[in-house]
Structures are given as structure tokens and as C-alpha cells.
Amino acid sequence: FIVNNKEVFKKIFKKNKKSKTKILNKFSELPKNNRFDITISAIVGIAGLEPTIQFTGLSKKVLLANKESIICGWHILKKVSRSKKTKMLPIDSEHFSIHQLTKNFLNEDIKKIYITASGGPFLNKPIKHFGKINARDAAKHPRWKMGRKISIDSSNLMNKVLEIIEAYKIFPFDEKKYEIIIHPQSLIHAIVLFTNGQAKFLYHETDMRIPIANAIYDNKINIKNFVKKEGNFLSNLKDLKFQKVDKKRFPIVTLLSKNSYKNSSAIILNACNEILVDSFIKKKISYKSIYHSIRSVFKDRDFNKYAVKKTPSINEIYKIDKWAREKTIELINKKIWEILFINTVFCW
């Protein structure tokens, strides 16, 4: 394990002193000229890009749990994996499911691919109350135990927008075939409709050990060795529900129709969202401002100058990411000053 954060590293190292597992603080501490069997890329954010590229060149198999490396640098990862003959496999439940359902099928074989979303904590909350949503409520995911940032992304379906973009990158199917569908139970993770009239879906309990273990062992496992408590499959099937996404409730999904996945637009989208979610957590902006602020950045006069890049280098990716972050911060600060000015005038 490599844990970059020094304080976190100290805690984990101390707790696992007697373990045979090697726990390192820096990538430079790795033994030289190693060829790893499996690497799991699980660093959060754009910080995961370079390590994922590095380990793709050092590993026989890479399991991808870092959205940003796919969204921002899939063209680089794909090139390295081909030259080094590294197998790349996503382990997010949705992408793992798409991989299982579509392998050995061509674009013309597939009519539709649905990525499911639970709908998060606000699926049934009256829209008129969205202005009062706070970070603590947004992070209360009804089905999965996840970190705060990804839970907030789940509450407004930004995580699904990013997952659709990931799917475009990883799987060579027409992007128009992908769609988000609400499935509150979170037991079906992807549904594929085939042109031959058949439909297939992949079901598993809301436990990430299931896709991760299957990805590590190429599906040749007994899941009881990893997950002791299994759900009641037949009982769960009775309550499966699916519904279309309400775009008034989840306007962020409309970003997909704004070509947010084209060229380097996805890099900008990801960077904006990281800043906005952090600002929302710090109470600098409202919940609804996340969507409206992204729209404002996409309308900026310099947007096309950065979004037009088709296959940016690592340095260009960081340059695009930096512009998007700075533009988003500029926008947030402008709104804060406007609110302060209005309040000052009102008080005066």
C-alpha cells in the first residue's frame, strides 16, 4: 500500500506494524524494476492520474477505481496499456457490470445501455426545498457507504454524469446508446438491450467487495469467502423499481447534452465540480449553485480554447484543469462579493 498523506500513513503503519503487507509513504520507495500482478488505482481526484499511468506500465492488470484518470487521461492510459500489454478493468459496480454484459459484443449488437442511479437522498424531497439543502444531508446516501465528496456527487447525479463519460471512454459503443435510469434499490447496476431482442442485467448486493473480488480473481471465486452475509435474491426481485430521470430534479444530467464529454470538456467538468463540491461543503455556495456554476464556466469566452483539445498531454491536462479550477474559484468569489454587497446595501 502506498499512502501519500503523511499523517494517514503514520496511523496505518502503526496499526499494521506486525502485518506482512508493505505500507509505503512515497512512490519513490517502491522496489525498482518490479512487474506487479495487480494494481488497484484508488486515489481520489486528479492526483490519481500520473500514478495510474505509471502503474499501468508496471502491472499485468490494473483495476480502475479512479474516475479522474479515465475522464482526463484515458487516451494516455490506453496507449500505455497496449504497449505494455496491461489488462485494464474498471471496478466501479456500473462499469464492471457493463464490461461483464458487453464483452464479445460489437456496437451493432447493442441497442441501449442503462447505467442505474439510486436517486440519492433527495429522490422524493420537494424541489421547492432544495435551496435549504446542506452538505451533511447531501452526504447521506441511502444505499452505499461512501466518502463525503462522492456521496454529494451521487445526491445530484453528477457521479452518473461522470460515469457515463467514463463509459464513453472505456467501451467502444456509440455514446447515444447510454442513458441514466433511476433504480432506488441499487441492486441492478447496468442493463443492456441487444438488437436481437434480448435484454441482460447484472445484479449484486450493495457491497463493493463483490465487483472487486471478481475483478481480482477473474470471476473464479466463491463470494462466501469474502462476503459472509448474502441478501435474499428472490425476495429482493419483488421490489425492483425503475424510472426515468426527472431533469427538473436533477438538472445536472442535461450537461451530457452540452457535449460535456467531447475532447477536453470532461476535464473542465471534473475540475469545476471538485472545486464546487468543496465550496459547498465549506458553506461558500448553495447546493443549487453547483449546477448553475458549471453552466457559467461552460459559457465562458475562454471555454472553447481549452475544451477543443482532443488528446492532451499530461502537462496540457494539468493546464486545462488549472484554468477550470481558477475560473470556478473566480466565479464563486464574484458571487460571494455580490451577496455581501447586496446585504450591505440592504442593512445600510
Protein backbone atom coordinates (compact mmCIF):
# COMPACT_ATOMS: atom_id res chain seq x y z
CA PHE A 1 0.00 0.00 0.00
CA ILE A 2 1.21 3.48 -0.83
CA VAL A 3 -0.33 6.23 1.32
CA ASN A 4 0.85 9.70 0.28
CA ASN A 5 -0.68 11.62 3.18
CA LYS A 6 1.98 11.53 5.91
CA GLU A 7 -0.38 11.68 8.90
CA VAL A 8 -2.66 8.97 7.49
CA PHE A 9 0.41 6.88 6.61
CA LYS A 10 1.70 7.07 10.21
CA LYS A 11 -1.65 5.89 11.61
CA ILE A 12 -1.97 2.98 9.16
CA PHE A 13 1.68 1.98 9.54
CA LYS A 14 1.41 1.96 13.34
CA LYS A 15 -1.79 -0.06 13.27
CA ASN A 16 -0.30 -2.67 10.90
CA LYS A 17 3.24 -2.98 12.27
CA LYS A 18 3.04 -6.76 12.54
CA SER A 19 1.44 -7.23 9.14
CA LYS A 20 3.38 -8.72 6.23
CA THR A 21 1.87 -6.06 3.99
CA LYS A 22 4.36 -3.38 2.94
CA ILE A 23 2.99 0.10 3.64
CA LEU A 24 4.92 2.92 1.98
CA ASN A 25 4.62 6.71 2.12
CA LYS A 26 6.15 7.58 -1.27
CA PHE A 27 6.14 6.09 -4.75
CA SER A 28 9.93 6.53 -4.80
CA GLU A 29 10.17 3.90 -2.02
CA LEU A 30 8.98 1.16 -4.38
CA PRO A 31 11.49 -1.54 -5.36
CA LYS A 32 12.94 -0.79 -8.79
CA ASN A 33 12.17 -2.80 -11.93
CA ASN A 34 9.17 -4.60 -10.42
CA ARG A 35 6.34 -6.03 -12.53
CA PHE A 36 3.22 -6.17 -10.39
CA ASP A 37 0.48 -8.77 -10.87
CA ILE A 38 -2.36 -6.42 -9.94
CA THR A 39 -2.56 -2.72 -9.10
CA ILE A 40 -5.71 -1.04 -7.79
CA SER A 41 -5.85 2.66 -8.59
CA ALA A 42 -7.95 4.22 -5.83
CA ILE A 43 -6.50 7.71 -5.34
CA VAL A 44 -9.20 10.38 -5.26
CA GLY A 45 -9.14 13.24 -7.77
CA ILE A 46 -6.73 14.40 -10.47
CA ALA A 47 -3.86 13.36 -8.15
CA GLY A 48 -4.52 9.79 -9.28
CA LEU A 49 -3.70 10.47 -12.95
CA GLU A 50 0.10 10.18 -13.02
CA PRO A 51 0.35 7.24 -10.56
CA THR A 52 -2.25 5.34 -12.60
CA ILE A 53 -0.28 5.95 -15.81
CA GLN A 54 2.93 4.93 -14.03
CA PHE A 55 1.50 1.68 -12.67
CA THR A 56 -0.18 0.81 -15.95
CA GLY A 57 3.38 0.49 -17.28
CA LEU A 58 4.43 -1.65 -14.29
CA SER A 59 1.46 -4.00 -13.90
CA LYS A 60 -0.05 -7.03 -15.61
CA LYS A 61 -3.53 -5.90 -14.56
CA VAL A 62 -4.83 -2.52 -13.36
CA LEU A 63 -8.18 -2.25 -11.57
CA LEU A 64 -9.54 1.26 -12.01
CA ALA A 65 -11.38 3.00 -9.19
CA ASN A 66 -10.10 6.49 -10.01
CA LYS A 67 -12.64 8.30 -12.22
CA GLU A 68 -10.36 11.23 -12.96
CA SER A 69 -7.62 9.17 -14.59
CA ILE A 70 -10.19 7.77 -17.03
CA ILE A 71 -12.06 11.03 -17.64
CA CYS A 72 -8.93 13.12 -18.09
CA GLY A 73 -6.32 10.74 -19.46
CA TRP A 74 -7.90 7.61 -20.92
CA HIS A 75 -6.17 8.22 -24.28
CA ILE A 76 -2.80 8.06 -22.48
CA LEU A 77 -3.72 5.04 -20.34
CA LYS A 78 -4.97 3.14 -23.38
CA LYS A 79 -1.73 3.78 -25.27
CA VAL A 80 0.46 2.66 -22.34
CA SER A 81 -1.68 -0.42 -21.64
CA ARG A 82 -1.42 -1.53 -25.27
CA SER A 83 2.34 -1.10 -25.43
CA LYS A 84 2.88 -2.90 -22.09
CA LYS A 85 0.08 -5.45 -22.67
CA THR A 86 -1.59 -4.45 -19.41
CA LYS A 87 -5.17 -5.54 -18.81
CA MET A 88 -7.36 -2.60 -17.69
CA LEU A 89 -10.55 -3.33 -15.77
CA PRO A 90 -12.93 -0.85 -14.08
CA ILE A 91 -14.21 -1.87 -10.65
CA ASP A 92 -16.96 0.69 -10.11
CA SER A 93 -20.05 -1.51 -9.95
CA GLU A 94 -21.63 0.12 -13.04
CA HIS A 95 -18.59 -0.17 -15.30
CA PHE A 96 -17.71 -3.62 -14.04
CA SER A 97 -21.28 -4.63 -14.94
CA ILE A 98 -21.09 -3.09 -18.43
CA HIS A 99 -17.84 -4.96 -19.02
CA GLN A 100 -19.38 -8.27 -17.94
CA LEU A 101 -22.50 -7.76 -20.04
CA THR A 102 -20.94 -6.45 -23.26
CA LYS A 103 -17.64 -8.30 -23.66
CA ASN A 104 -17.50 -10.11 -27.01
CA PHE A 105 -20.28 -7.87 -28.41
CA LEU A 106 -19.92 -5.22 -31.12
CA ASN A 107 -21.51 -1.77 -31.37
CA GLU A 108 -24.11 -3.00 -33.87
CA ASP A 109 -25.18 -5.76 -31.42
CA ILE A 110 -26.23 -3.24 -28.77
CA LYS A 111 -29.34 -1.07 -28.79
CA LYS A 112 -29.17 0.59 -25.35
CA ILE A 113 -27.01 0.64 -22.20
CA TYR A 114 -28.56 1.86 -18.96
CA ILE A 115 -26.44 2.92 -16.00
CA THR A 116 -28.53 2.85 -12.85
CA ALA A 117 -28.68 5.53 -10.13
CA SER A 118 -30.30 5.19 -6.72
CA GLY A 119 -31.58 8.76 -6.86
CA GLY A 120 -29.74 9.58 -3.64
CA PRO A 121 -31.23 11.14 -0.51
CA PHE A 122 -33.37 13.69 -2.38
CA LEU A 123 -35.25 11.46 -4.81
CA ASN A 124 -38.57 12.26 -3.16
CA LYS A 125 -37.74 15.58 -1.50
CA PRO A 126 -39.91 18.50 -2.73
CA ILE A 127 -37.86 20.56 -5.21
CA LYS A 128 -39.01 23.80 -3.56
CA HIS A 129 -36.89 22.85 -0.51
CA PHE A 130 -33.64 22.27 -2.49
CA GLY A 131 -32.43 25.77 -1.62
CA LYS A 132 -32.02 24.71 2.02
CA ILE A 133 -30.00 21.52 1.42
CA ASN A 134 -26.74 21.32 3.41
CA ALA A 135 -23.63 19.15 2.92
CA ARG A 136 -24.45 16.84 5.82
CA ASP A 137 -27.84 15.93 4.31
CA ALA A 138 -26.41 15.60 0.79
CA ALA A 139 -23.80 13.10 2.04
CA LYS A 140 -26.41 10.73 3.50
CA HIS A 141 -26.56 8.12 0.75
CA PRO A 142 -29.49 5.72 1.25
CA ARG A 143 -27.73 2.61 -0.07
CA TRP A 144 -23.93 2.89 -0.22
CA LYS A 145 -21.33 3.86 2.37
CA MET A 146 -19.03 6.22 0.50
CA GLY A 147 -16.83 9.24 1.11
CA ARG A 148 -18.43 12.67 1.50
CA LYS A 149 -17.44 14.04 -1.91
CA ILE A 150 -18.74 11.10 -3.95
CA SER A 151 -21.90 10.94 -1.80
CA ILE A 152 -22.65 14.58 -2.63
CA ASP A 153 -21.95 13.82 -6.31
CA SER A 154 -24.47 11.00 -6.00
CA SER A 155 -27.14 13.26 -4.48
CA ASN A 156 -27.39 15.44 -7.62
CA LEU A 157 -26.41 12.66 -10.12
CA MET A 158 -23.08 14.27 -11.00
CA ASN A 159 -21.49 10.91 -10.28
CA LYS A 160 -23.69 9.39 -13.01
CA VAL A 161 -22.76 12.11 -15.49
CA LEU A 162 -19.09 11.30 -14.81
CA GLU A 163 -19.81 7.55 -15.03
CA ILE A 164 -21.46 7.98 -18.43
CA ILE A 165 -18.36 9.88 -19.62
CA GLU A 166 -16.17 7.08 -18.22
CA ALA A 167 -18.23 4.54 -20.12
CA TYR A 168 -17.82 6.53 -23.37
CA LYS A 169 -14.06 6.41 -22.86
CA ILE A 170 -13.67 2.76 -21.86
CA PHE A 171 -16.22 0.96 -24.03
CA PRO A 172 -16.26 1.49 -27.82
CA PHE A 173 -20.03 1.96 -28.20
CA ASP A 174 -21.95 4.90 -29.63
CA GLU A 175 -22.38 7.47 -26.83
CA LYS A 176 -26.04 7.98 -27.81
CA LYS A 177 -26.78 4.45 -26.62
CA TYR A 178 -26.05 5.31 -22.97
CA GLU A 179 -28.70 6.51 -20.57
CA ILE A 180 -29.09 7.03 -16.82
CA ILE A 181 -32.08 5.38 -15.18
CA ILE A 182 -33.26 5.66 -11.55
CA HIS A 183 -33.26 2.39 -9.61
CA PRO A 184 -33.74 3.14 -5.86
CA GLN A 185 -32.80 -0.35 -4.64
CA SER A 186 -29.27 -0.19 -6.18
CA LEU A 187 -29.24 -3.93 -6.86
CA ILE A 188 -29.10 -3.78 -10.67
CA HIS A 189 -26.01 -1.86 -11.78
CA ALA A 190 -26.32 -1.90 -15.55
CA ILE A 191 -28.89 -3.06 -18.11
CA VAL A 192 -28.06 -3.80 -21.75
CA LEU A 193 -30.68 -4.08 -24.51
CA PHE A 194 -29.45 -6.00 -27.55
CA THR A 195 -30.61 -5.61 -31.14
CA ASN A 196 -31.58 -9.30 -31.17
CA GLY A 197 -34.45 -8.56 -28.78
CA GLN A 198 -32.73 -9.79 -25.63
CA ALA A 199 -32.02 -7.74 -22.51
CA LYS A 200 -29.49 -8.57 -19.81
CA PHE A 201 -28.74 -7.02 -16.45
CA LEU A 202 -26.20 -7.61 -13.72
CA TYR A 203 -27.39 -7.91 -10.13
CA HIS A 204 -25.33 -7.88 -6.94
CA GLU A 205 -25.76 -6.69 -3.37
CA THR A 206 -24.63 -3.17 -2.39
CA ASP A 207 -21.20 -4.42 -1.32
CA MET A 208 -18.14 -3.32 -3.31
CA ARG A 209 -16.26 -6.48 -2.27
CA ILE A 210 -18.30 -8.32 -4.90
CA PRO A 211 -17.09 -6.48 -8.05
CA ILE A 212 -13.58 -6.00 -6.61
CA ALA A 213 -13.11 -9.69 -5.70
CA ASN A 214 -14.49 -10.82 -9.08
CA ALA A 215 -12.18 -8.39 -10.89
CA ILE A 216 -9.12 -9.61 -8.98
CA TYR A 217 -9.87 -13.32 -9.49
CA ASP A 218 -11.45 -13.14 -12.97
CA ASN A 219 -14.85 -14.26 -11.60
CA LYS A 220 -13.38 -17.58 -10.38
CA ILE A 221 -14.32 -17.25 -6.72
CA ASN A 222 -16.85 -18.32 -4.11
CA ILE A 223 -18.14 -14.99 -2.81
CA LYS A 224 -18.84 -16.58 0.61
CA ASN A 225 -15.09 -16.42 1.22
CA PHE A 226 -15.35 -12.62 1.13
CA VAL A 227 -18.96 -11.72 1.99
CA LYS A 228 -20.41 -13.82 4.80
CA LYS A 229 -23.92 -12.36 4.75
CA GLU A 230 -25.82 -12.65 1.48
CA GLY A 231 -29.12 -10.93 0.69
CA ASN A 232 -32.31 -12.74 -0.23
CA PHE A 233 -32.19 -12.71 -4.03
CA LEU A 234 -35.78 -13.87 -4.68
CA SER A 235 -37.21 -11.52 -2.07
CA ASN A 236 -35.27 -8.56 -3.47
CA LEU A 237 -36.51 -9.23 -7.01
CA LYS A 238 -40.10 -8.46 -5.91
CA ASP A 239 -39.28 -4.84 -5.14
CA LEU A 240 -37.18 -3.78 -8.13
CA LYS A 241 -38.27 -0.39 -9.46
CA PHE A 242 -37.02 1.73 -12.36
CA GLN A 243 -37.96 5.22 -13.51
CA LYS A 244 -36.79 7.93 -15.89
CA VAL A 245 -34.60 10.74 -14.56
CA ASP A 246 -36.55 13.89 -13.69
CA LYS A 247 -34.42 16.63 -15.27
CA LYS A 248 -36.05 19.33 -13.15
CA ARG A 249 -34.98 17.49 -10.02
CA PHE A 250 -31.57 16.53 -11.42
CA PRO A 251 -30.71 19.27 -13.98
CA ILE A 252 -27.05 18.29 -13.88
CA VAL A 253 -27.78 15.37 -16.25
CA THR A 254 -28.55 17.91 -19.01
CA LEU A 255 -24.81 18.64 -19.13
CA LEU A 256 -24.45 15.46 -21.17
CA SER A 257 -26.42 17.11 -23.99
CA LYS A 258 -23.98 20.05 -23.86
CA ASN A 259 -21.16 17.83 -25.17
CA SER A 260 -19.52 17.75 -21.75
CA TYR A 261 -17.79 14.54 -22.80
CA LYS A 262 -16.25 15.87 -26.03
CA ASN A 263 -12.49 16.43 -26.29
CA SER A 264 -11.27 18.14 -23.08
CA SER A 265 -14.69 19.32 -21.85
CA ALA A 266 -14.75 16.41 -19.41
CA ILE A 267 -11.50 17.62 -17.79
CA ILE A 268 -13.10 21.03 -17.24
CA LEU A 269 -16.32 19.50 -15.91
CA ASN A 270 -14.44 17.33 -13.42
CA ALA A 271 -12.23 20.19 -12.19
CA CYS A 272 -15.18 22.59 -11.77
CA ASN A 273 -17.13 20.00 -9.83
CA GLU A 274 -14.27 19.26 -7.42
CA ILE A 275 -13.98 22.95 -6.52
CA LEU A 276 -17.74 23.45 -6.28
CA VAL A 277 -18.36 20.45 -4.03
CA ASP A 278 -15.54 21.57 -1.74
CA SER A 279 -17.03 25.09 -1.66
CA PHE A 280 -20.48 23.67 -0.90
CA ILE A 281 -19.04 21.64 2.00
CA LYS A 282 -17.39 24.83 3.31
CA LYS A 283 -20.76 26.67 3.03
CA LYS A 284 -19.45 29.15 0.45
CA ILE A 285 -22.13 28.26 -2.12
CA SER A 286 -25.59 26.72 -2.10
CA TYR A 287 -26.45 23.22 -3.31
CA LYS A 288 -28.21 24.51 -6.42
CA SER A 289 -25.19 26.68 -7.28
CA ILE A 290 -23.16 23.59 -8.23
CA TYR A 291 -25.13 23.10 -11.44
CA HIS A 292 -25.52 26.80 -12.28
CA SER A 293 -21.81 27.50 -11.73
CA ILE A 294 -20.77 24.69 -14.08
CA ARG A 295 -23.09 26.10 -16.73
CA SER A 296 -21.47 29.52 -16.27
CA VAL A 297 -17.96 28.10 -16.77
CA PHE A 298 -19.13 26.27 -19.91
CA LYS A 299 -20.39 29.61 -21.26
CA ASP A 300 -17.12 31.44 -20.52
CA ARG A 301 -15.48 33.07 -23.55
CA ASP A 302 -12.25 31.08 -23.00
CA PHE A 303 -14.00 27.71 -22.60
CA ASN A 304 -13.58 26.55 -26.21
CA LYS A 305 -9.88 27.42 -26.20
CA TYR A 306 -9.31 24.73 -23.54
CA ALA A 307 -12.14 22.33 -24.39
CA VAL A 308 -11.05 21.84 -28.00
CA LYS A 309 -8.00 19.66 -27.15
CA LYS A 310 -8.60 16.09 -28.38
CA THR A 311 -5.62 14.19 -26.95
CA PRO A 312 -3.86 16.50 -24.48
CA SER A 313 -0.51 15.57 -22.95
CA ILE A 314 -0.22 15.27 -19.16
CA ASN A 315 1.07 18.86 -18.95
CA GLU A 316 -1.83 20.07 -21.11
CA ILE A 317 -4.31 18.15 -18.92
CA TYR A 318 -2.95 19.94 -15.85
CA LYS A 319 -3.11 23.28 -17.68
CA ILE A 320 -6.78 22.72 -18.62
CA ASP A 321 -7.56 21.52 -15.10
CA LYS A 322 -5.84 24.59 -13.61
CA TRP A 323 -7.80 27.01 -15.83
CA ALA A 324 -11.11 25.36 -14.89
CA ARG A 325 -10.35 25.48 -11.18
CA GLU A 326 -9.22 29.11 -11.27
CA LYS A 327 -12.24 30.13 -13.34
CA THR A 328 -14.57 28.36 -10.92
CA ILE A 329 -12.95 29.99 -7.88
CA GLU A 330 -13.18 33.37 -9.63
CA LEU A 331 -16.89 32.77 -10.22
CA ILE A 332 -17.51 31.73 -6.60
CA ASN A 333 -15.67 34.78 -5.24
CA LYS A 334 -17.62 37.08 -7.54
CA LYS A 335 -20.93 35.68 -6.27
CA ILE A 336 -19.79 35.97 -2.64
CA TRP A 337 -18.91 39.67 -3.17
CA GLU A 338 -22.25 40.28 -4.90
CA ILE A 339 -24.13 38.76 -1.95
CA LEU A 340 -22.06 40.79 0.54
CA PHE A 341 -22.71 43.97 -1.44
CA ILE A 342 -26.48 43.36 -1.60
CA ASN A 343 -26.62 42.55 2.13
CA THR A 344 -24.54 45.64 2.99
CA VAL A 345 -26.80 47.91 0.95
CA PHE A 346 -29.89 46.30 2.48
CA CYS A 347 -28.51 46.73 6.04
CA TRP A 348 -27.50 50.32 5.36
